[in-house]
Structure formats: structure tokens, C-alpha cells
Amino acid sequence: MISSRQGKMATITRKEMEFMEKKRNDKQKSHLTSAQEVTYKREFKKADRAAGFTK
């Protein structure tokens, strides 16, 4: 017996699967770890100070 979830998966076309895969990969690329966020924040703050935008 096929569960309803398996039945739905079987109806997804190859093109839809490729689109979902691409969309998932795009979301993963845009997230930073908290350590990266802190590093970027510090670097941008230094750059702004050097350029004279902030004190």
C-alpha cells in the first residue's frame, strides 16, 4: 500500500524537483552563521570609521 505522501511525491515532475532543489540551495547560500555575522559587523564598522561615516 502506498501512503498519501508517497503518492504525492510520485506526481512531482522532474522539472519541479529541479526547481525545489535550486530554491533550497539558494536559501542555504544566503544564511550566515552567527560568527560570520559578528565578523562582518566588526569589519564594516571599521571600514565606516576609516571612511569617516561614523565616530
PDB file of N, CA and C in Angstrom:
ATOM      1  N   MET A   1       0.841  -1.185   0.000  1.00  0.00           N
ATOM      2  CA  MET A   1       0.000   0.000   0.000  1.00  0.00           C
ATOM      3  C   MET A   1       0.881   1.241   0.000  1.00  0.00           C
ATOM      4  N   ILE A   2       0.540   2.216  -0.840  1.00  0.00           N
ATOM      5  CA  ILE A   2       1.311   3.454  -0.949  1.00  0.00           C
ATOM      6  C   ILE A   2       0.659   4.507  -0.062  1.00  0.00           C
ATOM      7  N   SER A   3       1.475   5.149   0.774  1.00  0.00           N
ATOM      8  CA  SER A   3       0.927   6.198   1.635  1.00  0.00           C
ATOM      9  C   SER A   3       0.602   7.429   0.788  1.00  0.00           C
ATOM     10  N   SER A   4      -0.190   8.322   1.335  1.00  0.00           N
ATOM     11  CA  SER A   4      -0.575   9.516   0.591  1.00  0.00           C
ATOM     12  C   SER A   4       0.637  10.384   0.282  1.00  0.00           C
ATOM     13  N   ARG A   5       1.610  10.405   1.170  1.00  0.00           N
ATOM     14  CA  ARG A   5       2.808  11.211   0.935  1.00  0.00           C
ATOM     15  C   ARG A   5       3.593  10.658  -0.249  1.00  0.00           C
ATOM     16  N   GLN A   6       3.747   9.360  -0.317  1.00  0.00           N
ATOM     17  CA  GLN A   6       4.465   8.764  -1.437  1.00  0.00           C
ATOM     18  C   GLN A   6       3.709   9.001  -2.735  1.00  0.00           C
ATOM     19  N   GLY A   7       2.410   8.965  -2.679  1.00  0.00           N
ATOM     20  CA  GLY A   7       1.608   9.210  -3.866  1.00  0.00           C
ATOM     21  C   GLY A   7       1.804  10.618  -4.388  1.00  0.00           C
ATOM     22  N   LYS A   8       1.894  11.591  -3.495  1.00  0.00           N
ATOM     23  CA  LYS A   8       2.118  12.979  -3.901  1.00  0.00           C
ATOM     24  C   LYS A   8       3.523  13.152  -4.474  1.00  0.00           C
ATOM     25  N   MET A   9       4.483  12.508  -3.876  1.00  0.00           N
ATOM     26  CA  MET A   9       5.850  12.612  -4.369  1.00  0.00           C
ATOM     27  C   MET A   9       5.964  12.049  -5.779  1.00  0.00           C
ATOM     28  N   ALA A  10       5.209  11.022  -6.067  1.00  0.00           N
ATOM     29  CA  ALA A  10       5.273  10.394  -7.382  1.00  0.00           C
ATOM     30  C   ALA A  10       4.724  11.311  -8.466  1.00  0.00           C
ATOM     31  N   THR A  11       3.857  12.269  -8.111  1.00  0.00           N
ATOM     32  CA  THR A  11       3.259  13.141  -9.106  1.00  0.00           C
ATOM     33  C   THR A  11       4.110  14.383  -9.379  1.00  0.00           C
ATOM     34  N   ILE A  12       5.168  14.600  -8.639  1.00  0.00           N
ATOM     35  CA  ILE A  12       6.034  15.754  -8.869  1.00  0.00           C
ATOM     36  C   ILE A  12       6.910  15.470 -10.084  1.00  0.00           C
ATOM     37  N   THR A  13       6.926  16.425 -11.008  1.00  0.00           N
ATOM     38  CA  THR A  13       7.711  16.235 -12.219  1.00  0.00           C
ATOM     39  C   THR A  13       9.189  16.493 -11.959  1.00  0.00           C
ATOM     40  N   ARG A  14       9.985  16.070 -12.880  1.00  0.00           N
ATOM     41  CA  ARG A  14      11.434  16.266 -12.765  1.00  0.00           C
ATOM     42  C   ARG A  14      11.779  17.758 -12.716  1.00  0.00           C
ATOM     43  N   LYS A  15      11.085  18.548 -13.535  1.00  0.00           N
ATOM     44  CA  LYS A  15      11.322  19.989 -13.575  1.00  0.00           C
ATOM     45  C   LYS A  15      10.989  20.629 -12.220  1.00  0.00           C
ATOM     46  N   GLU A  16       9.907  20.205 -11.604  1.00  0.00           N
ATOM     47  CA  GLU A  16       9.529  20.718 -10.284  1.00  0.00           C
ATOM     48  C   GLU A  16      10.564  20.340  -9.237  1.00  0.00           C
ATOM     49  N   MET A  17      11.087  19.121  -9.322  1.00  0.00           N
ATOM     50  CA  MET A  17      12.117  18.680  -8.381  1.00  0.00           C
ATOM     51  C   MET A  17      13.375  19.527  -8.526  1.00  0.00           C
ATOM     52  N   GLU A  18      13.775  19.817  -9.761  1.00  0.00           N
ATOM     53  CA  GLU A  18      14.956  20.641 -10.005  1.00  0.00           C
ATOM     54  C   GLU A  18      14.736  22.049  -9.461  1.00  0.00           C
ATOM     55  N   PHE A  19      13.536  22.591  -9.645  1.00  0.00           N
ATOM     56  CA  PHE A  19      13.221  23.920  -9.127  1.00  0.00           C
ATOM     57  C   PHE A  19      13.291  23.943  -7.606  1.00  0.00           C
ATOM     58  N   MET A  20      12.720  22.927  -6.962  1.00  0.00           N
ATOM     59  CA  MET A  20      12.736  22.858  -5.499  1.00  0.00           C
ATOM     60  C   MET A  20      14.167  22.730  -4.985  1.00  0.00           C
ATOM     61  N   GLU A  21      14.978  21.943  -5.656  1.00  0.00           N
ATOM     62  CA  GLU A  21      16.376  21.765  -5.272  1.00  0.00           C
ATOM     63  C   GLU A  21      17.132  23.091  -5.384  1.00  0.00           C
ATOM     64  N   LYS A  22      16.921  23.810  -6.485  1.00  0.00           N
ATOM     65  CA  LYS A  22      17.589  25.095  -6.690  1.00  0.00           C
ATOM     66  C   LYS A  22      17.145  26.092  -5.624  1.00  0.00           C
ATOM     67  N   LYS A  23      15.853  26.128  -5.339  1.00  0.00           N
ATOM     68  CA  LYS A  23      15.318  27.048  -4.347  1.00  0.00           C
ATOM     69  C   LYS A  23      15.903  26.754  -2.963  1.00  0.00           C
ATOM     70  N   ARG A  24      16.019  25.476  -2.623  1.00  0.00           N
ATOM     71  CA  ARG A  24      16.581  25.082  -1.339  1.00  0.00           C
ATOM     72  C   ARG A  24      18.051  25.493  -1.254  1.00  0.00           C
ATOM     73  N   ASN A  25      18.793  25.278  -2.335  1.00  0.00           N
ATOM     74  CA  ASN A  25      20.203  25.654  -2.359  1.00  0.00           C
ATOM     75  C   ASN A  25      20.384  27.161  -2.253  1.00  0.00           C
ATOM     76  N   ASP A  26      19.512  27.930  -2.909  1.00  0.00           N
ATOM     77  CA  ASP A  26      19.598  29.388  -2.835  1.00  0.00           C
ATOM     78  C   ASP A  26      19.377  29.877  -1.413  1.00  0.00           C
ATOM     79  N   LYS A  27      18.437  29.270  -0.698  1.00  0.00           N
ATOM     80  CA  LYS A  27      18.172  29.667   0.679  1.00  0.00           C
ATOM     81  C   LYS A  27      19.374  29.371   1.573  1.00  0.00           C
ATOM     82  N   GLN A  28      20.019  28.255   1.343  1.00  0.00           N
ATOM     83  CA  GLN A  28      21.155  27.872   2.167  1.00  0.00           C
ATOM     84  C   GLN A  28      22.331  28.815   1.952  1.00  0.00           C
ATOM     85  N   LYS A  29      22.511  29.323   0.772  1.00  0.00           N
ATOM     86  CA  LYS A  29      23.631  30.192   0.474  1.00  0.00           C
ATOM     87  C   LYS A  29      23.499  31.552   1.150  1.00  0.00           C
ATOM     88  N   SER A  30      22.282  31.998   1.391  1.00  0.00           N
ATOM     89  CA  SER A  30      22.080  33.351   1.883  1.00  0.00           C
ATOM     90  C   SER A  30      22.199  33.494   3.398  1.00  0.00           C
ATOM     91  N   HIS A  31      22.342  32.411   4.127  1.00  0.00           N
ATOM     92  CA  HIS A  31      22.404  32.488   5.571  1.00  0.00           C
ATOM     93  C   HIS A  31      23.850  32.514   6.051  1.00  0.00           C
ATOM     94  N   LEU A  32      24.087  33.344   7.069  1.00  0.00           N
ATOM     95  CA  LEU A  32      25.396  33.407   7.694  1.00  0.00           C
ATOM     96  C   LEU A  32      25.322  32.787   9.077  1.00  0.00           C
ATOM     97  N   THR A  33      26.420  32.256   9.514  1.00  0.00           N
ATOM     98  CA  THR A  33      26.471  31.784  10.889  1.00  0.00           C
ATOM     99  C   THR A  33      26.588  33.005  11.790  1.00  0.00           C
ATOM    100  N   SER A  34      26.305  32.837  13.051  1.00  0.00           N
ATOM    101  CA  SER A  34      26.388  33.978  13.967  1.00  0.00           C
ATOM    102  C   SER A  34      27.818  34.498  14.049  1.00  0.00           C
ATOM    103  N   ALA A  35      28.803  33.615  13.958  1.00  0.00           N
ATOM    104  CA  ALA A  35      30.204  34.048  13.986  1.00  0.00           C
ATOM    105  C   ALA A  35      30.525  34.906  12.763  1.00  0.00           C
ATOM    106  N   GLN A  36      29.993  34.526  11.605  1.00  0.00           N
ATOM    107  CA  GLN A  36      30.216  35.314  10.397  1.00  0.00           C
ATOM    108  C   GLN A  36      29.548  36.677  10.506  1.00  0.00           C
ATOM    109  N   GLU A  37      28.345  36.704  11.075  1.00  0.00           N
ATOM    110  CA  GLU A  37      27.637  37.973  11.243  1.00  0.00           C
ATOM    111  C   GLU A  37      28.450  38.930  12.106  1.00  0.00           C
ATOM    112  N   VAL A  38      29.001  38.427  13.210  1.00  0.00           N
ATOM    113  CA  VAL A  38      29.800  39.258  14.109  1.00  0.00           C
ATOM    114  C   VAL A  38      31.040  39.774  13.388  1.00  0.00           C
ATOM    115  N   THR A  39      31.704  38.908  12.660  1.00  0.00           N
ATOM    116  CA  THR A  39      32.911  39.301  11.929  1.00  0.00           C
ATOM    117  C   THR A  39      32.598  40.378  10.906  1.00  0.00           C
ATOM    118  N   TYR A  40      31.538  40.170  10.103  1.00  0.00           N
ATOM    119  CA  TYR A  40      31.171  41.168   9.099  1.00  0.00           C
ATOM    120  C   TYR A  40      30.778  42.482   9.748  1.00  0.00           C
ATOM    121  N   LYS A  41      30.048  42.428  10.843  1.00  0.00           N
ATOM    122  CA  LYS A  41      29.629  43.649  11.528  1.00  0.00           C
ATOM    123  C   LYS A  41      30.846  44.454  11.973  1.00  0.00           C
ATOM    124  N   ARG A  42      31.822  43.766  12.548  1.00  0.00           N
ATOM    125  CA  ARG A  42      33.040  44.444  13.007  1.00  0.00           C
ATOM    126  C   ARG A  42      33.821  45.032  11.839  1.00  0.00           C
ATOM    127  N   GLU A  43      33.946  44.261  10.760  1.00  0.00           N
ATOM    128  CA  GLU A  43      34.702  44.739   9.600  1.00  0.00           C
ATOM    129  C   GLU A  43      34.038  45.957   8.961  1.00  0.00           C
ATOM    130  N   PHE A  44      32.723  45.932   8.823  1.00  0.00           N
ATOM    131  CA  PHE A  44      32.030  47.063   8.235  1.00  0.00           C
ATOM    132  C   PHE A  44      32.113  48.290   9.142  1.00  0.00           C
ATOM    133  N   LYS A  45      32.066  48.066  10.442  1.00  0.00           N
ATOM    134  CA  LYS A  45      32.180  49.177  11.380  1.00  0.00           C
ATOM    135  C   LYS A  45      33.560  49.839  11.254  1.00  0.00           C
ATOM    136  N   LYS A  46      34.609  49.012  11.147  1.00  0.00           N
ATOM    137  CA  LYS A  46      35.964  49.537  10.955  1.00  0.00           C
ATOM    138  C   LYS A  46      36.058  50.317   9.649  1.00  0.00           C
ATOM    139  N   ALA A  47      35.495  49.784   8.596  1.00  0.00           N
ATOM    140  CA  ALA A  47      35.535  50.442   7.293  1.00  0.00           C
ATOM    141  C   ALA A  47      34.793  51.769   7.332  1.00  0.00           C
ATOM    142  N   ASP A  48      33.642  51.797   7.997  1.00  0.00           N
ATOM    143  CA  ASP A  48      32.885  53.047   8.124  1.00  0.00           C
ATOM    144  C   ASP A  48      33.681  54.088   8.902  1.00  0.00           C
ATOM    145  N   ARG A  49      34.331  53.667   9.985  1.00  0.00           N
ATOM    146  CA  ARG A  49      35.151  54.602  10.752  1.00  0.00           C
ATOM    147  C   ARG A  49      36.303  55.142   9.913  1.00  0.00           C
ATOM    148  N   ALA A  50      36.954  54.270   9.159  1.00  0.00           N
ATOM    149  CA  ALA A  50      38.075  54.683   8.312  1.00  0.00           C
ATOM    150  C   ALA A  50      37.630  55.673   7.240  1.00  0.00           C
ATOM    151  N   ALA A  51      36.406  55.489   6.746  1.00  0.00           N
ATOM    152  CA  ALA A  51      35.878  56.380   5.715  1.00  0.00           C
ATOM    153  C   ALA A  51      35.298  57.654   6.290  1.00  0.00           C
ATOM    154  N   GLY A  52      35.167  57.719   7.622  1.00  0.00           N
ATOM    155  CA  GLY A  52      34.644  58.913   8.267  1.00  0.00           C
ATOM    156  C   GLY A  52      33.138  58.997   8.357  1.00  0.00           C
ATOM    157  N   PHE A  53      32.448  57.882   8.167  1.00  0.00           N
ATOM    158  CA  PHE A  53      30.991  57.899   8.238  1.00  0.00           C
ATOM    159  C   PHE A  53      30.468  57.853   9.670  1.00  0.00           C
ATOM    160  N   THR A  54      31.178  57.196  10.565  1.00  0.00           N
ATOM    161  CA  THR A  54      30.751  57.111  11.955  1.00  0.00           C
ATOM    162  C   THR A  54      31.918  57.463  12.860  1.00  0.00           C
ATOM    163  N   LYS A  55      31.592  57.725  14.104  1.00  0.00           N
ATOM    164  CA  LYS A  55      32.656  58.064  15.056  1.00  0.00           C
ATOM    165  C   LYS A  55      32.905  56.910  15.981  1.00  0.00           C
TER     166      LYS A  55
END
